[in-house]
Amino acid sequence: MENNELNIEEMEEISGGKNEGGYDRRPQEKPGCVIYKIAPGQTLGKIARANGTTVEQIMKANKELKNPNFIRAGAYIYLPV
């Protein structure tokens, strides 16, 4: 019987380190953005307000985020500046 499951390293290699809910590893720098690590209990709304931006602008800077209500603590996202 074959094991068709991927481990986290294989998933990161395929996805470039990104996964729904943010990047698993610190991503490369991106012009016009800073890299932000999500802390436990944070929401995109709280992050946006604290950093002078909007949820819509954060979503636009992070194409891998499909649902603004689903982010993961410990993951990285881009914050527009």
C-alpha atoms as a PDB file:
ATOM      1  CA  MET A   1       0.000   0.000   0.000  1.00  0.00           C
ATOM      2  CA  GLU A   2       1.402   3.410  -0.978  1.00  0.00           C
ATOM      3  CA  ASN A   3       1.569   6.413   1.323  1.00  0.00           C
ATOM      4  CA  ASN A   4       0.330   9.389  -0.710  1.00  0.00           C
ATOM      5  CA  GLU A   5       0.558  11.902   2.146  1.00  0.00           C
ATOM      6  CA  LEU A   6       3.039  14.790   1.991  1.00  0.00           C
ATOM      7  CA  ASN A   7       5.029  15.912   4.992  1.00  0.00           C
ATOM      8  CA  ILE A   8       5.382  19.635   5.813  1.00  0.00           C
ATOM      9  CA  GLU A   9       8.790  19.946   4.103  1.00  0.00           C
ATOM     10  CA  GLU A  10       7.402  18.497   0.866  1.00  0.00           C
ATOM     11  CA  MET A  11       4.354  20.788   1.040  1.00  0.00           C
ATOM     12  CA  GLU A  12       6.585  23.840   1.586  1.00  0.00           C
ATOM     13  CA  GLU A  13       8.834  22.867  -1.313  1.00  0.00           C
ATOM     14  CA  ILE A  14       5.834  22.520  -3.626  1.00  0.00           C
ATOM     15  CA  SER A  15       4.173  25.730  -2.407  1.00  0.00           C
ATOM     16  CA  GLY A  16       7.320  27.827  -1.948  1.00  0.00           C
ATOM     17  CA  GLY A  17       6.828  27.843   1.823  1.00  0.00           C
ATOM     18  CA  LYS A  18       3.339  29.276   1.658  1.00  0.00           C
ATOM     19  CA  ASN A  19       0.130  27.722   2.820  1.00  0.00           C
ATOM     20  CA  GLU A  20      -3.380  29.038   3.211  1.00  0.00           C
ATOM     21  CA  GLY A  21      -3.394  31.265   6.262  1.00  0.00           C
ATOM     22  CA  GLY A  22       0.076  32.736   5.642  1.00  0.00           C
ATOM     23  CA  TYR A  23       3.623  31.695   4.825  1.00  0.00           C
ATOM     24  CA  ASP A  24       5.085  28.884   6.908  1.00  0.00           C
ATOM     25  CA  ARG A  25       8.591  30.296   6.527  1.00  0.00           C
ATOM     26  CA  ARG A  26       9.716  33.909   6.366  1.00  0.00           C
ATOM     27  CA  PRO A  27       9.148  34.908   2.712  1.00  0.00           C
ATOM     28  CA  GLN A  28      11.458  36.990   0.551  1.00  0.00           C
ATOM     29  CA  GLU A  29      11.267  40.771   0.770  1.00  0.00           C
ATOM     30  CA  LYS A  30       8.578  42.356  -1.412  1.00  0.00           C
ATOM     31  CA  PRO A  31       8.680  45.992  -2.590  1.00  0.00           C
ATOM     32  CA  GLY A  32       6.151  48.193  -0.787  1.00  0.00           C
ATOM     33  CA  CYS A  33       5.659  45.703   2.042  1.00  0.00           C
ATOM     34  CA  VAL A  34       7.133  44.614   5.344  1.00  0.00           C
ATOM     35  CA  ILE A  35       7.082  41.030   6.574  1.00  0.00           C
ATOM     36  CA  TYR A  36       4.887  40.445   9.618  1.00  0.00           C
ATOM     37  CA  LYS A  37       4.689  37.363  11.874  1.00  0.00           C
ATOM     38  CA  ILE A  38       1.173  36.641  13.125  1.00  0.00           C
ATOM     39  CA  ALA A  39       0.861  36.310  16.906  1.00  0.00           C
ATOM     40  CA  PRO A  40      -1.712  34.102  18.685  1.00  0.00           C
ATOM     41  CA  GLY A  41      -5.147  35.724  18.954  1.00  0.00           C
ATOM     42  CA  GLN A  42      -4.578  38.235  16.180  1.00  0.00           C
ATOM     43  CA  THR A  43      -7.023  38.879  13.361  1.00  0.00           C
ATOM     44  CA  LEU A  44      -6.422  40.667  10.086  1.00  0.00           C
ATOM     45  CA  GLY A  45      -8.642  43.481  11.346  1.00  0.00           C
ATOM     46  CA  LYS A  46      -6.522  43.962  14.475  1.00  0.00           C
ATOM     47  CA  ILE A  47      -3.297  43.753  12.476  1.00  0.00           C
ATOM     48  CA  ALA A  48      -4.603  46.263   9.917  1.00  0.00           C
ATOM     49  CA  ARG A  49      -5.718  48.803  12.546  1.00  0.00           C
ATOM     50  CA  ALA A  50      -2.446  48.528  14.464  1.00  0.00           C
ATOM     51  CA  ASN A  51      -0.421  49.083  11.297  1.00  0.00           C
ATOM     52  CA  GLY A  52      -2.409  51.820   9.561  1.00  0.00           C
ATOM     53  CA  THR A  53      -3.736  49.701   6.724  1.00  0.00           C
ATOM     54  CA  THR A  54      -6.920  47.795   5.841  1.00  0.00           C
ATOM     55  CA  VAL A  55      -7.860  44.139   5.578  1.00  0.00           C
ATOM     56  CA  GLU A  56      -8.479  44.704   1.862  1.00  0.00           C
ATOM     57  CA  GLN A  57      -4.934  46.047   1.361  1.00  0.00           C
ATOM     58  CA  ILE A  58      -3.463  43.116   3.298  1.00  0.00           C
ATOM     59  CA  MET A  59      -5.462  40.636   1.201  1.00  0.00           C
ATOM     60  CA  LYS A  60      -4.244  42.313  -1.992  1.00  0.00           C
ATOM     61  CA  ALA A  61      -0.599  42.060  -0.839  1.00  0.00           C
ATOM     62  CA  ASN A  62      -1.034  38.353   0.073  1.00  0.00           C
ATOM     63  CA  LYS A  63      -2.492  36.432  -2.864  1.00  0.00           C
ATOM     64  CA  GLU A  64      -2.239  33.151  -0.913  1.00  0.00           C
ATOM     65  CA  LEU A  65      -4.735  34.407   1.691  1.00  0.00           C
ATOM     66  CA  LYS A  66      -8.083  33.213   0.396  1.00  0.00           C
ATOM     67  CA  ASN A  67     -10.161  33.865   3.515  1.00  0.00           C
ATOM     68  CA  PRO A  68      -9.588  36.950   5.691  1.00  0.00           C
ATOM     69  CA  ASN A  69     -11.064  35.063   8.641  1.00  0.00           C
ATOM     70  CA  PHE A  70      -8.444  32.316   8.438  1.00  0.00           C
ATOM     71  CA  ILE A  71      -4.890  33.211   9.435  1.00  0.00           C
ATOM     72  CA  ARG A  72      -2.483  31.132  11.490  1.00  0.00           C
ATOM     73  CA  ALA A  73      -0.411  32.180  14.477  1.00  0.00           C
ATOM     74  CA  GLY A  74       3.270  31.812  13.664  1.00  0.00           C
ATOM     75  CA  ALA A  75       2.734  32.300   9.925  1.00  0.00           C
ATOM     76  CA  TYR A  76       4.095  35.291   8.018  1.00  0.00           C
ATOM     77  CA  ILE A  77       2.220  37.756   5.856  1.00  0.00           C
ATOM     78  CA  TYR A  78       3.114  40.872   3.897  1.00  0.00           C
ATOM     79  CA  LEU A  79       1.916  44.213   5.283  1.00  0.00           C
ATOM     80  CA  PRO A  80       1.666  47.063   2.787  1.00  0.00           C
ATOM     81  CA  VAL A  81       3.513  50.232   3.821  1.00  0.00           C
END
